[in-house]
PDB file of N, CA and C in Angstrom:
ATOM      1  N   UNK A   1       0.837  -1.175   0.000  1.00  0.00           N
ATOM      2  CA  UNK A   1       0.000   0.000   0.000  1.00  0.00           C
ATOM      3  C   UNK A   1       0.892   1.252   0.000  1.00  0.00           C
ATOM      4  N   UNK A   2       0.591   2.187  -0.872  1.00  0.00           N
ATOM      5  CA  UNK A   2       1.351   3.428  -0.956  1.00  0.00           C
ATOM      6  C   UNK A   2       1.054   4.305   0.255  1.00  0.00           C
ATOM      7  N   UNK A   3       2.078   4.991   0.720  1.00  0.00           N
ATOM      8  CA  UNK A   3       1.914   5.889   1.857  1.00  0.00           C
ATOM      9  C   UNK A   3       1.872   7.324   1.386  1.00  0.00           C
ATOM     10  N   UNK A   4       1.102   8.118   2.065  1.00  0.00           N
ATOM     11  CA  UNK A   4       0.989   9.535   1.780  1.00  0.00           C
ATOM     12  C   UNK A   4       2.237  10.239   2.302  1.00  0.00           C
ATOM     13  N   UNK A   5       2.819  11.115   1.503  1.00  0.00           N
ATOM     14  CA  UNK A   5       3.986  11.872   1.939  1.00  0.00           C
ATOM     15  C   UNK A   5       3.629  12.692   3.181  1.00  0.00           C
ATOM     16  N   UNK A   6       4.553  12.774   4.096  1.00  0.00           N
ATOM     17  CA  UNK A   6       4.297  13.455   5.372  1.00  0.00           C
ATOM     18  C   UNK A   6       3.893  14.908   5.172  1.00  0.00           C
ATOM     19  N   UNK A   7       4.562  15.610   4.279  1.00  0.00           N
ATOM     20  CA  UNK A   7       4.238  17.022   4.054  1.00  0.00           C
ATOM     21  C   UNK A   7       2.804  17.226   3.600  1.00  0.00           C
ATOM     22  N   UNK A   8       2.294  16.317   2.783  1.00  0.00           N
ATOM     23  CA  UNK A   8       0.904  16.400   2.321  1.00  0.00           C
ATOM     24  C   UNK A   8      -0.044  16.105   3.477  1.00  0.00           C
ATOM     25  N   UNK A   9       0.277  15.084   4.289  1.00  0.00           N
ATOM     26  CA  UNK A   9      -0.554  14.753   5.444  1.00  0.00           C
ATOM     27  C   UNK A   9      -0.614  15.939   6.403  1.00  0.00           C
ATOM     28  N   UNK A  10       0.528  16.567   6.646  1.00  0.00           N
ATOM     29  CA  UNK A  10       0.593  17.728   7.553  1.00  0.00           C
ATOM     30  C   UNK A  10      -0.322  18.844   7.032  1.00  0.00           C
ATOM     31  N   UNK A  11      -0.243  19.149   5.750  1.00  0.00           N
ATOM     32  CA  UNK A  11      -1.076  20.209   5.172  1.00  0.00           C
ATOM     33  C   UNK A  11      -2.564  19.907   5.340  1.00  0.00           C
ATOM     34  N   UNK A  12      -2.948  18.664   5.084  1.00  0.00           N
ATOM     35  CA  UNK A  12      -4.357  18.277   5.232  1.00  0.00           C
ATOM     36  C   UNK A  12      -4.795  18.348   6.690  1.00  0.00           C
ATOM     37  N   UNK A  13      -3.936  17.907   7.596  1.00  0.00           N
ATOM     38  CA  UNK A  13      -4.261  17.936   9.025  1.00  0.00           C
ATOM     39  C   UNK A  13      -4.425  19.380   9.509  1.00  0.00           C
ATOM     40  N   UNK A  14      -3.514  20.251   9.110  1.00  0.00           N
ATOM     41  CA  UNK A  14      -3.617  21.652   9.508  1.00  0.00           C
ATOM     42  C   UNK A  14      -4.911  22.281   8.976  1.00  0.00           C
ATOM     43  N   UNK A  15      -5.333  21.904   7.775  1.00  0.00           N
ATOM     44  CA  UNK A  15      -6.592  22.425   7.225  1.00  0.00           C
ATOM     45  C   UNK A  15      -7.772  21.954   8.070  1.00  0.00           C
ATOM     46  N   UNK A  16      -7.779  20.700   8.476  1.00  0.00           N
ATOM     47  CA  UNK A  16      -8.873  20.194   9.335  1.00  0.00           C
ATOM     48  C   UNK A  16      -8.894  20.917  10.675  1.00  0.00           C
ATOM     49  N   UNK A  17      -7.719  21.155  11.234  1.00  0.00           N
ATOM     50  CA  UNK A  17      -7.649  21.859  12.516  1.00  0.00           C
ATOM     51  C   UNK A  17      -8.185  23.285  12.373  1.00  0.00           C
ATOM     52  N   UNK A  18      -7.834  23.961  11.286  1.00  0.00           N
ATOM     53  CA  UNK A  18      -8.346  25.324  11.048  1.00  0.00           C
ATOM     54  C   UNK A  18      -9.871  25.317  10.972  1.00  0.00           C
ATOM     55  N   UNK A  19     -10.439  24.332  10.272  1.00  0.00           N
ATOM     56  CA  UNK A  19     -11.901  24.243  10.154  1.00  0.00           C
ATOM     57  C   UNK A  19     -12.577  24.020  11.504  1.00  0.00           C
ATOM     58  N   UNK A  20     -11.862  23.375  12.432  1.00  0.00           N
ATOM     59  CA  UNK A  20     -12.405  23.121  13.768  1.00  0.00           C
ATOM     60  C   UNK A  20     -12.022  24.222  14.756  1.00  0.00           C
ATOM     61  N   UNK A  21     -11.408  25.287  14.257  1.00  0.00           N
ATOM     62  CA  UNK A  21     -10.964  26.407  15.103  1.00  0.00           C
ATOM     63  C   UNK A  21     -10.016  25.966  16.208  1.00  0.00           C
ATOM     64  N   UNK A  22      -9.103  25.060  15.876  1.00  0.00           N
ATOM     65  CA  UNK A  22      -8.072  24.613  16.811  1.00  0.00           C
ATOM     66  C   UNK A  22      -6.749  25.206  16.338  1.00  0.00           C
ATOM     67  N   UNK A  23      -6.174  26.158  17.107  1.00  0.00           N
ATOM     68  CA  UNK A  23      -4.895  26.734  16.708  1.00  0.00           C
ATOM     69  C   UNK A  23      -3.802  25.658  16.665  1.00  0.00           C
ATOM     70  N   UNK A  24      -3.002  25.684  15.589  1.00  0.00           N
ATOM     71  CA  UNK A  24      -1.935  24.699  15.433  1.00  0.00           C
ATOM     72  C   UNK A  24      -0.728  25.357  14.779  1.00  0.00           C
ATOM     73  N   UNK A  25       0.452  24.882  15.176  1.00  0.00           N
ATOM     74  CA  UNK A  25       1.706  25.450  14.696  1.00  0.00           C
ATOM     75  C   UNK A  25       2.683  24.326  14.397  1.00  0.00           C
ATOM     76  N   UNK A  26       3.428  24.460  13.306  1.00  0.00           N
ATOM     77  CA  UNK A  26       4.515  23.530  13.021  1.00  0.00           C
ATOM     78  C   UNK A  26       5.725  24.103  13.741  1.00  0.00           C
ATOM     79  N   UNK A  27       6.189  23.410  14.778  1.00  0.00           N
ATOM     80  CA  UNK A  27       7.334  23.915  15.542  1.00  0.00           C
ATOM     81  C   UNK A  27       8.633  23.249  15.149  1.00  0.00           C
ATOM     82  N   UNK A  28       8.550  22.150  14.406  1.00  0.00           N
ATOM     83  CA  UNK A  28       9.746  21.503  13.861  1.00  0.00           C
ATOM     84  C   UNK A  28       9.344  20.837  12.557  1.00  0.00           C
ATOM     85  N   UNK A  29      10.030  21.206  11.503  1.00  0.00           N
ATOM     86  CA  UNK A  29       9.726  20.648  10.185  1.00  0.00           C
ATOM     87  C   UNK A  29      10.697  19.505   9.907  1.00  0.00           C
ATOM     88  N   UNK A  30      10.134  18.338   9.628  1.00  0.00           N
ATOM     89  CA  UNK A  30      10.947  17.166   9.348  1.00  0.00           C
ATOM     90  C   UNK A  30      11.006  16.876   7.869  1.00  0.00           C
ATOM     91  N   UNK A  31      11.341  15.646   7.537  1.00  0.00           N
ATOM     92  CA  UNK A  31      11.436  15.222   6.149  1.00  0.00           C
ATOM     93  C   UNK A  31      10.047  15.248   5.511  1.00  0.00           C
ATOM     94  N   UNK A  32       9.931  15.941   4.373  1.00  0.00           N
ATOM     95  CA  UNK A  32       8.628  16.123   3.724  1.00  0.00           C
ATOM     96  C   UNK A  32       8.072  14.843   3.133  1.00  0.00           C
ATOM     97  N   UNK A  33       8.931  13.881   2.877  1.00  0.00           N
ATOM     98  CA  UNK A  33       8.476  12.644   2.259  1.00  0.00           C
ATOM     99  C   UNK A  33       8.121  11.578   3.282  1.00  0.00           C
ATOM    100  N   UNK A  34       9.015  11.366   4.244  1.00  0.00           N
ATOM    101  CA  UNK A  34       8.806  10.221   5.143  1.00  0.00           C
ATOM    102  C   UNK A  34       9.092  10.514   6.612  1.00  0.00           C
ATOM    103  N   UNK A  35       9.068  11.766   7.014  1.00  0.00           N
ATOM    104  CA  UNK A  35       9.327  12.086   8.412  1.00  0.00           C
ATOM    105  C   UNK A  35       8.208  11.626   9.331  1.00  0.00           C
ATOM    106  N   UNK A  36       8.580  11.210  10.529  1.00  0.00           N
ATOM    107  CA  UNK A  36       7.587  10.845  11.543  1.00  0.00           C
ATOM    108  C   UNK A  36       6.960  12.119  12.101  1.00  0.00           C
ATOM    109  N   UNK A  37       5.830  11.971  12.804  1.00  0.00           N
ATOM    110  CA  UNK A  37       5.084  13.126  13.310  1.00  0.00           C
ATOM    111  C   UNK A  37       4.792  12.951  14.797  1.00  0.00           C
ATOM    112  N   UNK A  38       4.991  14.028  15.555  1.00  0.00           N
ATOM    113  CA  UNK A  38       4.540  14.115  16.942  1.00  0.00           C
ATOM    114  C   UNK A  38       3.556  15.271  17.011  1.00  0.00           C
ATOM    115  N   UNK A  39       2.401  15.018  17.633  1.00  0.00           N
ATOM    116  CA  UNK A  39       1.387  16.049  17.825  1.00  0.00           C
ATOM    117  C   UNK A  39       1.301  16.326  19.317  1.00  0.00           C
ATOM    118  N   UNK A  40       1.609  17.580  19.688  1.00  0.00           N
ATOM    119  CA  UNK A  40       1.511  17.988  21.090  1.00  0.00           C
ATOM    120  C   UNK A  40       0.270  18.862  21.235  1.00  0.00           C
ATOM    121  N   UNK A  41      -0.558  18.547  22.216  1.00  0.00           N
ATOM    122  CA  UNK A  41      -1.757  19.332  22.474  1.00  0.00           C
ATOM    123  C   UNK A  41      -1.666  19.931  23.872  1.00  0.00           C
ATOM    124  N   UNK A  42      -1.595  21.254  23.927  1.00  0.00           N
ATOM    125  CA  UNK A  42      -1.570  21.975  25.203  1.00  0.00           C
ATOM    126  C   UNK A  42      -2.996  22.374  25.554  1.00  0.00           C
ATOM    127  N   UNK A  43      -3.398  22.090  26.797  1.00  0.00           N
ATOM    128  CA  UNK A  43      -4.763  22.412  27.224  1.00  0.00           C
ATOM    129  C   UNK A  43      -4.862  23.771  27.908  1.00  0.00           C
ATOM    130  N   UNK A  44      -3.788  24.536  27.862  1.00  0.00           N
ATOM    131  CA  UNK A  44      -3.742  25.918  28.341  1.00  0.00           C
ATOM    132  C   UNK A  44      -3.949  26.047  29.846  1.00  0.00           C
ATOM    133  N   UNK A  45      -3.695  24.956  30.562  1.00  0.00           N
ATOM    134  CA  UNK A  45      -3.757  24.984  32.025  1.00  0.00           C
ATOM    135  C   UNK A  45      -2.449  24.466  32.626  1.00  0.00           C
ATOM    136  N   UNK A  46      -1.386  24.496  31.822  1.00  0.00           N
ATOM    137  CA  UNK A  46      -0.085  24.011  32.286  1.00  0.00           C
ATOM    138  C   UNK A  46       0.140  22.536  31.999  1.00  0.00           C
ATOM    139  N   UNK A  47      -0.829  21.894  31.373  1.00  0.00           N
ATOM    140  CA  UNK A  47      -0.717  20.470  31.066  1.00  0.00           C
ATOM    141  C   UNK A  47      -0.736  20.273  29.555  1.00  0.00           C
ATOM    142  N   UNK A  48      -0.219  19.133  29.118  1.00  0.00           N
ATOM    143  CA  UNK A  48      -0.176  18.832  27.683  1.00  0.00           C
ATOM    144  C   UNK A  48      -0.063  17.332  27.486  1.00  0.00           C
ATOM    145  N   UNK A  49      -0.220  16.948  26.235  1.00  0.00           N
ATOM    146  CA  UNK A  49      -0.090  15.543  25.844  1.00  0.00           C
ATOM    147  C   UNK A  49       0.578  15.532  24.477  1.00  0.00           C
ATOM    148  N   UNK A  50       1.532  14.620  24.291  1.00  0.00           N
ATOM    149  CA  UNK A  50       2.196  14.457  23.000  1.00  0.00           C
ATOM    150  C   UNK A  50       1.907  13.058  22.487  1.00  0.00           C
ATOM    151  N   UNK A  51       1.502  12.976  21.225  1.00  0.00           N
ATOM    152  CA  UNK A  51       1.150  11.697  20.606  1.00  0.00           C
ATOM    153  C   UNK A  51       2.085  11.427  19.439  1.00  0.00           C
ATOM    154  N   UNK A  52       2.419  10.158  19.264  1.00  0.00           N
ATOM    155  CA  UNK A  52       3.226   9.760  18.120  1.00  0.00           C
ATOM    156  C   UNK A  52       2.563   8.586  17.424  1.00  0.00           C
ATOM    157  N   UNK A  53       2.801   8.466  16.151  1.00  0.00           N
ATOM    158  CA  UNK A  53       2.184   7.402  15.374  1.00  0.00           C
ATOM    159  C   UNK A  53       3.004   6.131  15.510  1.00  0.00           C
ATOM    160  N   UNK A  54       2.306   5.027  15.637  1.00  0.00           N
ATOM    161  CA  UNK A  54       2.940   3.725  15.776  1.00  0.00           C
ATOM    162  C   UNK A  54       2.151   2.708  14.959  1.00  0.00           C
ATOM    163  N   UNK A  55       2.728   1.534  14.804  1.00  0.00           N
ATOM    164  CA  UNK A  55       2.062   0.469  14.054  1.00  0.00           C
ATOM    165  C   UNK A  55       1.673  -0.631  15.026  1.00  0.00           C
ATOM    166  N   UNK A  56       0.398  -0.990  15.038  1.00  0.00           N
ATOM    167  CA  UNK A  56      -0.106  -2.051  15.903  1.00  0.00           C
ATOM    168  C   UNK A  56      -0.052  -3.364  15.125  1.00  0.00           C
ATOM    169  N   UNK A  57       0.861  -4.242  15.509  1.00  0.00           N
ATOM    170  CA  UNK A  57       1.023  -5.522  14.812  1.00  0.00           C
ATOM    171  C   UNK A  57      -0.209  -6.409  14.939  1.00  0.00           C
ATOM    172  N   UNK A  58      -0.904  -6.278  16.044  1.00  0.00           N
ATOM    173  CA  UNK A  58      -2.088  -7.108  16.275  1.00  0.00           C
ATOM    174  C   UNK A  58      -3.214  -6.784  15.301  1.00  0.00           C
ATOM    175  N   UNK A  59      -3.474  -5.504  15.097  1.00  0.00           N
ATOM    176  CA  UNK A  59      -4.563  -5.089  14.217  1.00  0.00           C
ATOM    177  C   UNK A  59      -4.081  -4.716  12.815  1.00  0.00           C
ATOM    178  N   UNK A  60      -2.769  -4.640  12.650  1.00  0.00           N
ATOM    179  CA  UNK A  60      -2.150  -4.252  11.379  1.00  0.00           C
ATOM    180  C   UNK A  60      -2.625  -2.873  10.915  1.00  0.00           C
ATOM    181  N   UNK A  61      -2.711  -1.953  11.875  1.00  0.00           N
ATOM    182  CA  UNK A  61      -3.126  -0.575  11.595  1.00  0.00           C
ATOM    183  C   UNK A  61      -2.178   0.391  12.263  1.00  0.00           C
ATOM    184  N   UNK A  62      -2.146   1.586  11.738  1.00  0.00           N
ATOM    185  CA  UNK A  62      -1.387   2.658  12.390  1.00  0.00           C
ATOM    186  C   UNK A  62      -2.277   3.265  13.474  1.00  0.00           C
ATOM    187  N   UNK A  63      -1.679   3.538  14.612  1.00  0.00           N
ATOM    188  CA  UNK A  63      -2.404   4.112  15.745  1.00  0.00           C
ATOM    189  C   UNK A  63      -1.585   5.253  16.344  1.00  0.00           C
ATOM    190  N   UNK A  64      -2.247   6.090  17.112  1.00  0.00           N
ATOM    191  CA  UNK A  64      -1.577   7.178  17.824  1.00  0.00           C
ATOM    192  C   UNK A  64      -1.408   6.761  19.283  1.00  0.00           C
ATOM    193  N   UNK A  65      -0.169   6.811  19.773  1.00  0.00           N
ATOM    194  CA  UNK A  65       0.146   6.458  21.157  1.00  0.00           C
ATOM    195  C   UNK A  65       0.721   7.668  21.883  1.00  0.00           C
ATOM    196  N   UNK A  66       0.515   7.705  23.191  1.00  0.00           N
ATOM    197  CA  UNK A  66       1.058   8.805  23.990  1.00  0.00           C
ATOM    198  C   UNK A  66       2.575   8.683  24.104  1.00  0.00           C
ATOM    199  N   UNK A  67       3.264   9.733  23.726  1.00  0.00           N
ATOM    200  CA  UNK A  67       4.707   9.839  23.936  1.00  0.00           C
ATOM    201  C   UNK A  67       4.949  10.372  25.339  1.00  0.00           C
ATOM    202  N   UNK A  68       4.136  11.341  25.744  1.00  0.00           N
ATOM    203  CA  UNK A  68       4.239  11.933  27.077  1.00  0.00           C
ATOM    204  C   UNK A  68       2.925  12.625  27.397  1.00  0.00           C
ATOM    205  N   UNK A  69       2.622  12.704  28.700  1.00  0.00           N
ATOM    206  CA  UNK A  69       1.402  13.365  29.146  1.00  0.00           C
ATOM    207  C   UNK A  69       1.639  13.894  30.546  1.00  0.00           C
ATOM    208  N   UNK A  70       1.173  15.117  30.811  1.00  0.00           N
ATOM    209  CA  UNK A  70       1.330  15.672  32.148  1.00  0.00           C
ATOM    210  C   UNK A  70       1.665  17.150  32.096  1.00  0.00           C
ATOM    211  N   UNK A  71       2.568  17.557  32.965  1.00  0.00           N
ATOM    212  CA  UNK A  71       2.993  18.958  33.043  1.00  0.00           C
ATOM    213  C   UNK A  71       3.626  19.338  31.706  1.00  0.00           C
ATOM    214  N   UNK A  72       3.228  20.499  31.178  1.00  0.00           N
ATOM    215  CA  UNK A  72       3.650  20.869  29.831  1.00  0.00           C
ATOM    216  C   UNK A  72       5.169  20.934  29.672  1.00  0.00           C
ATOM    217  N   UNK A  73       5.883  21.413  30.663  1.00  0.00           N
ATOM    218  CA  UNK A  73       7.344  21.484  30.536  1.00  0.00           C
ATOM    219  C   UNK A  73       7.963  20.093  30.419  1.00  0.00           C
ATOM    220  N   UNK A  74       7.378  19.109  31.104  1.00  0.00           N
ATOM    221  CA  UNK A  74       7.881  17.735  31.002  1.00  0.00           C
ATOM    222  C   UNK A  74       7.550  17.136  29.634  1.00  0.00           C
ATOM    223  N   UNK A  75       6.386  17.452  29.101  1.00  0.00           N
ATOM    224  CA  UNK A  75       6.013  16.994  27.759  1.00  0.00           C
ATOM    225  C   UNK A  75       6.951  17.633  26.734  1.00  0.00           C
ATOM    226  N   UNK A  76       7.233  18.927  26.904  1.00  0.00           N
ATOM    227  CA  UNK A  76       8.172  19.614  26.003  1.00  0.00           C
ATOM    228  C   UNK A  76       9.547  18.944  26.030  1.00  0.00           C
ATOM    229  N   UNK A  77       9.992  18.531  27.206  1.00  0.00           N
ATOM    230  CA  UNK A  77      11.292  17.868  27.328  1.00  0.00           C
ATOM    231  C   UNK A  77      11.285  16.527  26.592  1.00  0.00           C
ATOM    232  N   UNK A  78      10.200  15.786  26.691  1.00  0.00           N
ATOM    233  CA  UNK A  78      10.094  14.501  25.986  1.00  0.00           C
ATOM    234  C   UNK A  78      10.097  14.708  24.479  1.00  0.00           C
ATOM    235  N   UNK A  79       9.409  15.727  24.017  1.00  0.00           N
ATOM    236  CA  UNK A  79       9.382  16.031  22.584  1.00  0.00           C
ATOM    237  C   UNK A  79      10.779  16.449  22.114  1.00  0.00           C
ATOM    238  N   UNK A  80      11.476  17.244  22.916  1.00  0.00           N
ATOM    239  CA  UNK A  80      12.839  17.666  22.554  1.00  0.00           C
ATOM    240  C   UNK A  80      13.771  16.460  22.460  1.00  0.00           C
ATOM    241  N   UNK A  81      13.635  15.506  23.368  1.00  0.00           N
ATOM    242  CA  UNK A  81      14.454  14.282  23.300  1.00  0.00           C
ATOM    243  C   UNK A  81      14.153  13.501  22.029  1.00  0.00           C
ATOM    244  N   UNK A  82      12.884  13.390  21.694  1.00  0.00           N
ATOM    245  CA  UNK A  82      12.497  12.677  20.464  1.00  0.00           C
ATOM    246  C   UNK A  82      13.057  13.391  19.239  1.00  0.00           C
ATOM    247  N   UNK A  83      13.034  14.691  19.246  1.00  0.00           N
ATOM    248  CA  UNK A  83      13.556  15.485  18.122  1.00  0.00           C
ATOM    249  C   UNK A  83      15.070  15.319  17.988  1.00  0.00           C
ATOM    250  N   UNK A  84      15.779  15.258  19.119  1.00  0.00           N
ATOM    251  CA  UNK A  84      17.228  15.059  19.071  1.00  0.00           C
ATOM    252  C   UNK A  84      17.588  13.692  18.483  1.00  0.00           C
ATOM    253  N   UNK A  85      16.770  12.695  18.788  1.00  0.00           N
ATOM    254  CA  UNK A  85      17.075  11.349  18.285  1.00  0.00           C
ATOM    255  C   UNK A  85      16.591  11.138  16.854  1.00  0.00           C
ATOM    256  N   UNK A  86      15.713  12.013  16.344  1.00  0.00           N
ATOM    257  CA  UNK A  86      15.213  11.889  14.977  1.00  0.00           C
ATOM    258  C   UNK A  86      15.103  13.281  14.349  1.00  0.00           C
ATOM    259  N   UNK A  87      16.147  13.712  13.647  1.00  0.00           N
ATOM    260  CA  UNK A  87      16.119  15.061  13.062  1.00  0.00           C
ATOM    261  C   UNK A  87      15.083  15.219  11.949  1.00  0.00           C
ATOM    262  N   UNK A  88      14.517  14.120  11.435  1.00  0.00           N
ATOM    263  CA  UNK A  88      13.483  14.183  10.403  1.00  0.00           C
ATOM    264  C   UNK A  88      12.076  14.258  10.985  1.00  0.00           C
ATOM    265  N   UNK A  89      11.981  14.387  12.300  1.00  0.00           N
ATOM    266  CA  UNK A  89      10.691  14.402  13.000  1.00  0.00           C
ATOM    267  C   UNK A  89       9.980  15.740  12.838  1.00  0.00           C
ATOM    268  N   UNK A  90       8.695  15.676  12.493  1.00  0.00           N
ATOM    269  CA  UNK A  90       7.837  16.848  12.487  1.00  0.00           C
ATOM    270  C   UNK A  90       7.217  16.981  13.878  1.00  0.00           C
ATOM    271  N   UNK A  91       7.095  18.210  14.359  1.00  0.00           N
ATOM    272  CA  UNK A  91       6.397  18.458  15.622  1.00  0.00           C
ATOM    273  C   UNK A  91       5.331  19.517  15.361  1.00  0.00           C
ATOM    274  N   UNK A  92       4.087  19.155  15.658  1.00  0.00           N
ATOM    275  CA  UNK A  92       2.967  20.084  15.549  1.00  0.00           C
ATOM    276  C   UNK A  92       2.447  20.352  16.950  1.00  0.00           C
ATOM    277  N   UNK A  93       2.212  21.613  17.260  1.00  0.00           N
ATOM    278  CA  UNK A  93       1.673  21.978  18.568  1.00  0.00           C
ATOM    279  C   UNK A  93       0.288  22.573  18.394  1.00  0.00           C
ATOM    280  N   UNK A  94      -0.655  22.026  19.147  1.00  0.00           N
ATOM    281  CA  UNK A  94      -2.041  22.477  19.136  1.00  0.00           C
ATOM    282  C   UNK A  94      -2.360  23.105  20.480  1.00  0.00           C
ATOM    283  N   UNK A  95      -3.330  24.009  20.478  1.00  0.00           N
ATOM    284  CA  UNK A  95      -3.828  24.600  21.721  1.00  0.00           C
ATOM    285  C   UNK A  95      -5.336  24.419  21.748  1.00  0.00           C
ATOM    286  N   UNK A  96      -5.804  23.625  22.700  1.00  0.00           N
ATOM    287  CA  UNK A  96      -7.235  23.396  22.816  1.00  0.00           C
ATOM    288  C   UNK A  96      -7.569  23.029  24.254  1.00  0.00           C
ATOM    289  N   UNK A  97      -8.390  23.826  24.890  1.00  0.00           N
ATOM    290  CA  UNK A  97      -8.738  23.588  26.297  1.00  0.00           C
ATOM    291  C   UNK A  97      -9.350  22.211  26.524  1.00  0.00           C
ATOM    292  N   UNK A  98     -10.083  21.694  25.537  1.00  0.00           N
ATOM    293  CA  UNK A  98     -10.720  20.376  25.661  1.00  0.00           C
ATOM    294  C   UNK A  98      -9.766  19.241  25.275  1.00  0.00           C
ATOM    295  N   UNK A  99      -8.578  19.577  24.784  1.00  0.00           N
ATOM    296  CA  UNK A  99      -7.608  18.546  24.424  1.00  0.00           C
ATOM    297  C   UNK A  99      -7.902  17.856  23.101  1.00  0.00           C
ATOM    298  N   UNK A 100      -8.708  18.500  22.244  1.00  0.00           N
ATOM    299  CA  UNK A 100      -9.048  17.891  20.949  1.00  0.00           C
ATOM    300  C   UNK A 100      -7.843  17.903  20.013  1.00  0.00           C
ATOM    301  N   UNK A 101      -7.644  16.766  19.316  1.00  0.00           N
ATOM    302  CA  UNK A 101      -6.604  16.668  18.298  1.00  0.00           C
ATOM    303  C   UNK A 101      -7.171  16.263  16.947  1.00  0.00           C
ATOM    304  N   UNK A 102      -8.371  15.705  16.926  1.00  0.00           N
ATOM    305  CA  UNK A 102      -9.042  15.192  15.726  1.00  0.00           C
ATOM    306  C   UNK A 102      -8.376  13.939  15.150  1.00  0.00           C
ATOM    307  N   UNK A 103      -7.361  13.422  15.803  1.00  0.00           N
ATOM    308  CA  UNK A 103      -6.610  12.282  15.263  1.00  0.00           C
ATOM    309  C   UNK A 103      -7.422  10.999  15.178  1.00  0.00           C
ATOM    310  N   UNK A 104      -8.563  10.955  15.852  1.00  0.00           N
ATOM    311  CA  UNK A 104      -9.409   9.777  15.785  1.00  0.00           C
ATOM    312  C   UNK A 104     -10.314   9.791  14.559  1.00  0.00           C
ATOM    313  N   UNK A 105     -10.338  10.884  13.833  1.00  0.00           N
ATOM    314  CA  UNK A 105     -11.211  11.004  12.657  1.00  0.00           C
ATOM    315  C   UNK A 105     -10.681  10.199  11.477  1.00  0.00           C
ATOM    316  N   UNK A 106     -11.607   9.785  10.610  1.00  0.00           N
ATOM    317  CA  UNK A 106     -11.238   9.045   9.400  1.00  0.00           C
ATOM    318  C   UNK A 106     -10.184   9.825   8.612  1.00  0.00           C
ATOM    319  N   UNK A 107      -9.200   9.116   8.136  1.00  0.00           N
ATOM    320  CA  UNK A 107      -8.133   9.730   7.346  1.00  0.00           C
ATOM    321  C   UNK A 107      -6.982  10.240   8.165  1.00  0.00           C
ATOM    322  N   UNK A 108      -7.189  10.413   9.466  1.00  0.00           N
ATOM    323  CA  UNK A 108      -6.114  10.887  10.346  1.00  0.00           C
ATOM    324  C   UNK A 108      -5.649   9.810  11.298  1.00  0.00           C
ATOM    325  N   UNK A 109      -6.466   8.779  11.487  1.00  0.00           N
ATOM    326  CA  UNK A 109      -6.122   7.713  12.431  1.00  0.00           C
ATOM    327  C   UNK A 109      -5.038   6.800  11.881  1.00  0.00           C
TER     328      UNK A 109
END
């Protein structure tokens, strides 16, 4: 199965976030073709959650798993460590009090 280039996926995701009035920013630009993605969602109360895409061997599907969750500075530190170990990593930061990421929607999961 052909995979969608990361840069195209990022553009489509940002468009969906704009339509849902969820502010989002690309804070680290990775490889446009095959870079991995981390989505950090800050709930504007000092807390955040960072999600990364993984492959579930049991279901043979791609899923989003928590990279870090808790105090925003600790989540930022985890994201920085991931970025240091993978310079092709994209990092998107969202701000939503309800913690919405839309990643469970069709086409983004």
